[in-house]
Amino acid sequence: MLPGRTMRRAAVIVTALLMTAASCLAQSYSNDGASAYVQARNYEGLVQYATAWTHAQPNNSDAWAYLGAAYGMYLREPDKAIEPMKRSIALKPDIAPAWHALGATYVQLGKYVEAIDAFNHAIKLNPNQPTYWNNLAAAYSGMAQWDKASAVLDQEWPLAEKLRNVQAWFVLGNGYGQF
């Protein structure tokens, strides 16, 4: 048995090592790390990585966003995606793509009222993204509110004129083509 003072020193050293190791583990997660799983199309691995990341850094909005995307976009399990997406938005409410992803996930679930709210948030944050407008129109279409869907696309028309690119017109044309 070690003498009291040596025992205390050993305990302090072990505690310091454990705290350092825990800190290193918490800091080892990143967007690049999560993106590697996306690039490899290893979506189950992404869920494991993002879940561990959310445990290590529960206030990191990117960790929650990747977890939501893994479930919603990649694994097509939208019911599991909603809560991580909402957590990400609660941590960083001014990220338009996060609101858009939440809206798209609500559409997958057939929750059009919630989708409309999320798409409107995305548009408020970035009104120059044609896809946001199109998906808002699609949510109205899902509720058979054709007049509102058409009105949204009519609001998107000036944006396509302003952007003057083929992609904006393509997105708008697809929107009108859905009717």
C-alpha atoms as a PDB file:
ATOM      1  CA  MET A   1       0.000   0.000   0.000  1.00  0.00           C
ATOM      2  CA  LEU A   2       1.268   3.475  -0.854  1.00  0.00           C
ATOM      3  CA  PRO A   3       1.741   6.083   1.841  1.00  0.00           C
ATOM      4  CA  GLY A   4      -1.080   8.668   2.150  1.00  0.00           C
ATOM      5  CA  ARG A   5       0.715  11.502   0.382  1.00  0.00           C
ATOM      6  CA  THR A   6       1.830   9.314  -2.521  1.00  0.00           C
ATOM      7  CA  MET A   7      -1.703   7.910  -2.794  1.00  0.00           C
ATOM      8  CA  ARG A   8      -3.167  11.419  -3.027  1.00  0.00           C
ATOM      9  CA  ARG A   9      -0.620  12.381  -5.698  1.00  0.00           C
ATOM     10  CA  ALA A  10      -1.469   9.278  -7.688  1.00  0.00           C
ATOM     11  CA  ALA A  11      -5.185  10.079  -7.419  1.00  0.00           C
ATOM     12  CA  VAL A  12      -4.595  13.650  -8.617  1.00  0.00           C
ATOM     13  CA  ILE A  13      -2.528  12.421 -11.554  1.00  0.00           C
ATOM     14  CA  VAL A  14      -5.103   9.795 -12.550  1.00  0.00           C
ATOM     15  CA  THR A  15      -7.922  12.353 -12.276  1.00  0.00           C
ATOM     16  CA  ALA A  16      -5.985  14.824 -14.425  1.00  0.00           C
ATOM     17  CA  LEU A  17      -5.315  12.150 -17.040  1.00  0.00           C
ATOM     18  CA  LEU A  18      -8.967  11.121 -17.138  1.00  0.00           C
ATOM     19  CA  MET A  19     -10.114  14.733 -17.484  1.00  0.00           C
ATOM     20  CA  THR A  20      -7.613  15.313 -20.292  1.00  0.00           C
ATOM     21  CA  ALA A  21      -8.724  12.147 -22.087  1.00  0.00           C
ATOM     22  CA  ALA A  22     -12.392  13.129 -21.758  1.00  0.00           C
ATOM     23  CA  SER A  23     -11.617  16.596 -23.060  1.00  0.00           C
ATOM     24  CA  CYS A  24      -9.737  15.180 -26.049  1.00  0.00           C
ATOM     25  CA  LEU A  25     -12.606  12.835 -26.852  1.00  0.00           C
ATOM     26  CA  ALA A  26     -15.129  15.678 -26.683  1.00  0.00           C
ATOM     27  CA  GLN A  27     -13.028  17.791 -29.020  1.00  0.00           C
ATOM     28  CA  SER A  28     -12.322  15.021 -31.547  1.00  0.00           C
ATOM     29  CA  TYR A  29     -15.701  15.390 -33.267  1.00  0.00           C
ATOM     30  CA  SER A  30     -16.077  17.749 -36.212  1.00  0.00           C
ATOM     31  CA  ASN A  31     -17.998  18.574 -39.355  1.00  0.00           C
ATOM     32  CA  ASP A  32     -15.167  17.014 -41.341  1.00  0.00           C
ATOM     33  CA  GLY A  33     -15.480  13.800 -39.338  1.00  0.00           C
ATOM     34  CA  ALA A  34     -19.235  13.626 -39.932  1.00  0.00           C
ATOM     35  CA  SER A  35     -18.830  14.582 -43.575  1.00  0.00           C
ATOM     36  CA  ALA A  36     -16.470  11.635 -44.086  1.00  0.00           C
ATOM     37  CA  TYR A  37     -19.332   9.284 -43.190  1.00  0.00           C
ATOM     38  CA  VAL A  38     -21.608  11.089 -45.642  1.00  0.00           C
ATOM     39  CA  GLN A  39     -18.998  10.866 -48.406  1.00  0.00           C
ATOM     40  CA  ALA A  40     -18.567   7.145 -47.701  1.00  0.00           C
ATOM     41  CA  ARG A  41     -22.363   6.728 -47.651  1.00  0.00           C
ATOM     42  CA  ASN A  42     -22.006   5.062 -44.281  1.00  0.00           C
ATOM     43  CA  TYR A  43     -25.192   6.411 -42.778  1.00  0.00           C
ATOM     44  CA  GLU A  44     -25.409   3.963 -39.885  1.00  0.00           C
ATOM     45  CA  GLY A  45     -21.856   5.007 -39.017  1.00  0.00           C
ATOM     46  CA  LEU A  46     -22.951   8.641 -39.256  1.00  0.00           C
ATOM     47  CA  VAL A  47     -25.740   7.970 -36.744  1.00  0.00           C
ATOM     48  CA  GLN A  48     -23.226   6.421 -34.332  1.00  0.00           C
ATOM     49  CA  TYR A  49     -20.730   9.245 -34.847  1.00  0.00           C
ATOM     50  CA  ALA A  50     -23.328  12.024 -34.519  1.00  0.00           C
ATOM     51  CA  THR A  51     -24.919  10.368 -31.486  1.00  0.00           C
ATOM     52  CA  ALA A  52     -21.551  10.166 -29.743  1.00  0.00           C
ATOM     53  CA  TRP A  53     -20.880  13.773 -30.771  1.00  0.00           C
ATOM     54  CA  THR A  54     -24.185  14.954 -29.262  1.00  0.00           C
ATOM     55  CA  HIS A  55     -23.299  13.185 -26.015  1.00  0.00           C
ATOM     56  CA  ALA A  56     -19.807  14.687 -25.934  1.00  0.00           C
ATOM     57  CA  GLN A  57     -20.946  18.166 -26.983  1.00  0.00           C
ATOM     58  CA  PRO A  58     -24.685  18.490 -26.282  1.00  0.00           C
ATOM     59  CA  ASN A  59     -24.701  22.206 -27.153  1.00  0.00           C
ATOM     60  CA  ASN A  60     -23.182  21.755 -30.605  1.00  0.00           C
ATOM     61  CA  SER A  61     -25.876  22.476 -33.192  1.00  0.00           C
ATOM     62  CA  ASP A  62     -23.885  20.823 -35.989  1.00  0.00           C
ATOM     63  CA  ALA A  63     -23.820  17.524 -34.103  1.00  0.00           C
ATOM     64  CA  TRP A  64     -27.605  17.574 -33.785  1.00  0.00           C
ATOM     65  CA  ALA A  65     -28.006  18.647 -37.422  1.00  0.00           C
ATOM     66  CA  TYR A  66     -25.929  15.715 -38.650  1.00  0.00           C
ATOM     67  CA  LEU A  67     -27.924  13.323 -36.487  1.00  0.00           C
ATOM     68  CA  GLY A  68     -31.181  14.706 -37.882  1.00  0.00           C
ATOM     69  CA  ALA A  69     -29.881  14.560 -41.456  1.00  0.00           C
ATOM     70  CA  ALA A  70     -28.685  10.990 -40.980  1.00  0.00           C
ATOM     71  CA  TYR A  71     -32.154   9.887 -39.975  1.00  0.00           C
ATOM     72  CA  GLY A  72     -34.207  12.162 -42.222  1.00  0.00           C
ATOM     73  CA  MET A  73     -32.278  12.463 -45.466  1.00  0.00           C
ATOM     74  CA  TYR A  74     -30.163   9.345 -45.587  1.00  0.00           C
ATOM     75  CA  LEU A  75     -31.924   6.580 -43.672  1.00  0.00           C
ATOM     76  CA  ARG A  76     -35.442   7.815 -44.482  1.00  0.00           C
ATOM     77  CA  GLU A  77     -36.567   7.590 -40.871  1.00  0.00           C
ATOM     78  CA  PRO A  78     -38.127  11.037 -40.524  1.00  0.00           C
ATOM     79  CA  ASP A  79     -39.808  10.246 -37.217  1.00  0.00           C
ATOM     80  CA  LYS A  80     -36.336   9.902 -35.663  1.00  0.00           C
ATOM     81  CA  ALA A  81     -35.049  13.052 -37.379  1.00  0.00           C
ATOM     82  CA  ILE A  82     -37.444  15.654 -35.980  1.00  0.00           C
ATOM     83  CA  GLU A  83     -36.123  15.943 -32.422  1.00  0.00           C
ATOM     84  CA  PRO A  84     -32.423  16.255 -33.370  1.00  0.00           C
ATOM     85  CA  MET A  85     -33.324  18.843 -36.008  1.00  0.00           C
ATOM     86  CA  LYS A  86     -35.386  20.841 -33.531  1.00  0.00           C
ATOM     87  CA  ARG A  87     -32.520  20.670 -31.032  1.00  0.00           C
ATOM     88  CA  SER A  88     -30.097  21.979 -33.660  1.00  0.00           C
ATOM     89  CA  ILE A  89     -32.446  24.865 -34.479  1.00  0.00           C
ATOM     90  CA  ALA A  90     -32.953  25.673 -30.795  1.00  0.00           C
ATOM     91  CA  LEU A  91     -29.179  26.077 -30.478  1.00  0.00           C
ATOM     92  CA  LYS A  92     -28.811  28.120 -33.703  1.00  0.00           C
ATOM     93  CA  PRO A  93     -32.179  29.477 -34.855  1.00  0.00           C
ATOM     94  CA  ASP A  94     -30.794  31.643 -37.673  1.00  0.00           C
ATOM     95  CA  ILE A  95     -29.666  28.840 -40.003  1.00  0.00           C
ATOM     96  CA  ALA A  96     -31.989  28.725 -43.028  1.00  0.00           C
ATOM     97  CA  PRO A  97     -30.899  25.271 -44.295  1.00  0.00           C
ATOM     98  CA  ALA A  98     -31.743  23.788 -40.874  1.00  0.00           C
ATOM     99  CA  TRP A  99     -35.280  25.171 -41.078  1.00  0.00           C
ATOM    100  CA  HIS A 100     -35.567  23.906 -44.640  1.00  0.00           C
ATOM    101  CA  ALA A 101     -34.426  20.404 -43.643  1.00  0.00           C
ATOM    102  CA  LEU A 102     -36.951  20.397 -40.804  1.00  0.00           C
ATOM    103  CA  GLY A 103     -39.696  21.393 -43.255  1.00  0.00           C
ATOM    104  CA  ALA A 104     -38.709  18.654 -45.707  1.00  0.00           C
ATOM    105  CA  THR A 105     -38.787  16.134 -42.868  1.00  0.00           C
ATOM    106  CA  TYR A 106     -42.260  17.261 -41.835  1.00  0.00           C
ATOM    107  CA  VAL A 107     -43.376  16.791 -45.458  1.00  0.00           C
ATOM    108  CA  GLN A 108     -42.059  13.203 -45.332  1.00  0.00           C
ATOM    109  CA  LEU A 109     -44.279  12.684 -42.301  1.00  0.00           C
ATOM    110  CA  GLY A 110     -47.298  14.333 -43.933  1.00  0.00           C
ATOM    111  CA  LYS A 111     -47.260  17.114 -41.316  1.00  0.00           C
ATOM    112  CA  TYR A 112     -47.859  19.932 -43.765  1.00  0.00           C
ATOM    113  CA  VAL A 113     -48.832  22.668 -41.308  1.00  0.00           C
ATOM    114  CA  GLU A 114     -45.529  22.199 -39.455  1.00  0.00           C
ATOM    115  CA  ALA A 115     -43.679  22.017 -42.791  1.00  0.00           C
ATOM    116  CA  ILE A 116     -45.202  25.317 -43.920  1.00  0.00           C
ATOM    117  CA  ASP A 117     -44.078  26.975 -40.703  1.00  0.00           C
ATOM    118  CA  ALA A 118     -40.529  25.637 -41.087  1.00  0.00           C
ATOM    119  CA  PHE A 119     -40.294  26.629 -44.773  1.00  0.00           C
ATOM    120  CA  ASN A 120     -41.543  30.116 -43.937  1.00  0.00           C
ATOM    121  CA  HIS A 121     -38.762  30.430 -41.344  1.00  0.00           C
ATOM    122  CA  ALA A 122     -36.210  29.352 -43.952  1.00  0.00           C
ATOM    123  CA  ILE A 123     -37.564  31.874 -46.464  1.00  0.00           C
ATOM    124  CA  LYS A 124     -37.534  34.657 -43.884  1.00  0.00           C
ATOM    125  CA  LEU A 125     -33.837  33.933 -43.239  1.00  0.00           C
ATOM    126  CA  ASN A 126     -32.913  33.467 -46.907  1.00  0.00           C
ATOM    127  CA  PRO A 127     -35.557  34.592 -49.395  1.00  0.00           C
ATOM    128  CA  ASN A 128     -33.146  34.073 -52.318  1.00  0.00           C
ATOM    129  CA  GLN A 129     -33.260  30.266 -52.266  1.00  0.00           C
ATOM    130  CA  PRO A 130     -35.715  28.984 -54.917  1.00  0.00           C
ATOM    131  CA  THR A 131     -35.884  25.492 -53.418  1.00  0.00           C
ATOM    132  CA  TYR A 132     -37.339  26.891 -50.197  1.00  0.00           C
ATOM    133  CA  TRP A 133     -40.171  28.498 -52.150  1.00  0.00           C
ATOM    134  CA  ASN A 134     -40.798  25.332 -54.156  1.00  0.00           C
ATOM    135  CA  ASN A 135     -40.996  23.161 -51.082  1.00  0.00           C
ATOM    136  CA  LEU A 136     -43.362  25.639 -49.433  1.00  0.00           C
ATOM    137  CA  ALA A 137     -45.600  25.325 -52.500  1.00  0.00           C
ATOM    138  CA  ALA A 138     -45.311  21.523 -52.295  1.00  0.00           C
ATOM    139  CA  ALA A 139     -46.438  21.606 -48.659  1.00  0.00           C
ATOM    140  CA  TYR A 140     -49.513  23.625 -49.640  1.00  0.00           C
ATOM    141  CA  SER A 141     -50.112  21.118 -52.453  1.00  0.00           C
ATOM    142  CA  GLY A 142     -49.942  18.303 -49.929  1.00  0.00           C
ATOM    143  CA  MET A 143     -52.878  19.941 -48.191  1.00  0.00           C
ATOM    144  CA  ALA A 144     -54.691  20.384 -51.536  1.00  0.00           C
ATOM    145  CA  GLN A 145     -54.448  24.171 -51.143  1.00  0.00           C
ATOM    146  CA  TRP A 146     -53.753  24.760 -54.820  1.00  0.00           C
ATOM    147  CA  ASP A 147     -54.372  28.505 -54.763  1.00  0.00           C
ATOM    148  CA  LYS A 148     -51.811  29.021 -52.009  1.00  0.00           C
ATOM    149  CA  ALA A 149     -49.297  26.741 -53.732  1.00  0.00           C
ATOM    150  CA  SER A 150     -49.701  28.665 -56.985  1.00  0.00           C
ATOM    151  CA  ALA A 151     -49.385  32.004 -55.159  1.00  0.00           C
ATOM    152  CA  VAL A 152     -46.098  30.885 -53.599  1.00  0.00           C
ATOM    153  CA  LEU A 153     -44.721  29.941 -57.014  1.00  0.00           C
ATOM    154  CA  ASP A 154     -45.905  33.287 -58.379  1.00  0.00           C
ATOM    155  CA  GLN A 155     -43.857  34.929 -55.599  1.00  0.00           C
ATOM    156  CA  GLU A 156     -40.861  32.823 -56.647  1.00  0.00           C
ATOM    157  CA  TRP A 157     -41.055  34.042 -60.264  1.00  0.00           C
ATOM    158  CA  PRO A 158     -39.397  37.459 -59.604  1.00  0.00           C
ATOM    159  CA  LEU A 159     -36.627  35.648 -57.722  1.00  0.00           C
ATOM    160  CA  ALA A 160     -35.901  33.503 -60.786  1.00  0.00           C
ATOM    161  CA  GLU A 161     -35.809  36.664 -62.912  1.00  0.00           C
ATOM    162  CA  LYS A 162     -33.463  38.324 -60.431  1.00  0.00           C
ATOM    163  CA  LEU A 163     -31.114  35.338 -60.129  1.00  0.00           C
ATOM    164  CA  ARG A 164     -30.948  34.863 -63.907  1.00  0.00           C
ATOM    165  CA  ASN A 165     -29.677  31.322 -63.766  1.00  0.00           C
ATOM    166  CA  VAL A 166     -30.885  28.098 -65.300  1.00  0.00           C
ATOM    167  CA  GLN A 167     -31.200  26.329 -61.942  1.00  0.00           C
ATOM    168  CA  ALA A 168     -33.659  28.898 -60.562  1.00  0.00           C
ATOM    169  CA  TRP A 169     -35.876  28.562 -63.651  1.00  0.00           C
ATOM    170  CA  PHE A 170     -35.603  24.785 -63.536  1.00  0.00           C
ATOM    171  CA  VAL A 171     -36.722  24.706 -59.898  1.00  0.00           C
ATOM    172  CA  LEU A 172     -39.606  27.069 -60.628  1.00  0.00           C
ATOM    173  CA  GLY A 173     -40.672  25.042 -63.670  1.00  0.00           C
ATOM    174  CA  ASN A 174     -40.674  21.878 -61.591  1.00  0.00           C
ATOM    175  CA  GLY A 175     -42.839  23.629 -59.025  1.00  0.00           C
ATOM    176  CA  TYR A 176     -45.446  24.575 -61.603  1.00  0.00           C
ATOM    177  CA  GLY A 177     -45.166  21.102 -63.133  1.00  0.00           C
ATOM    178  CA  GLN A 178     -46.325  19.499 -59.885  1.00  0.00           C
ATOM    179  CA  PHE A 179     -49.879  20.777 -60.345  1.00  0.00           C
END
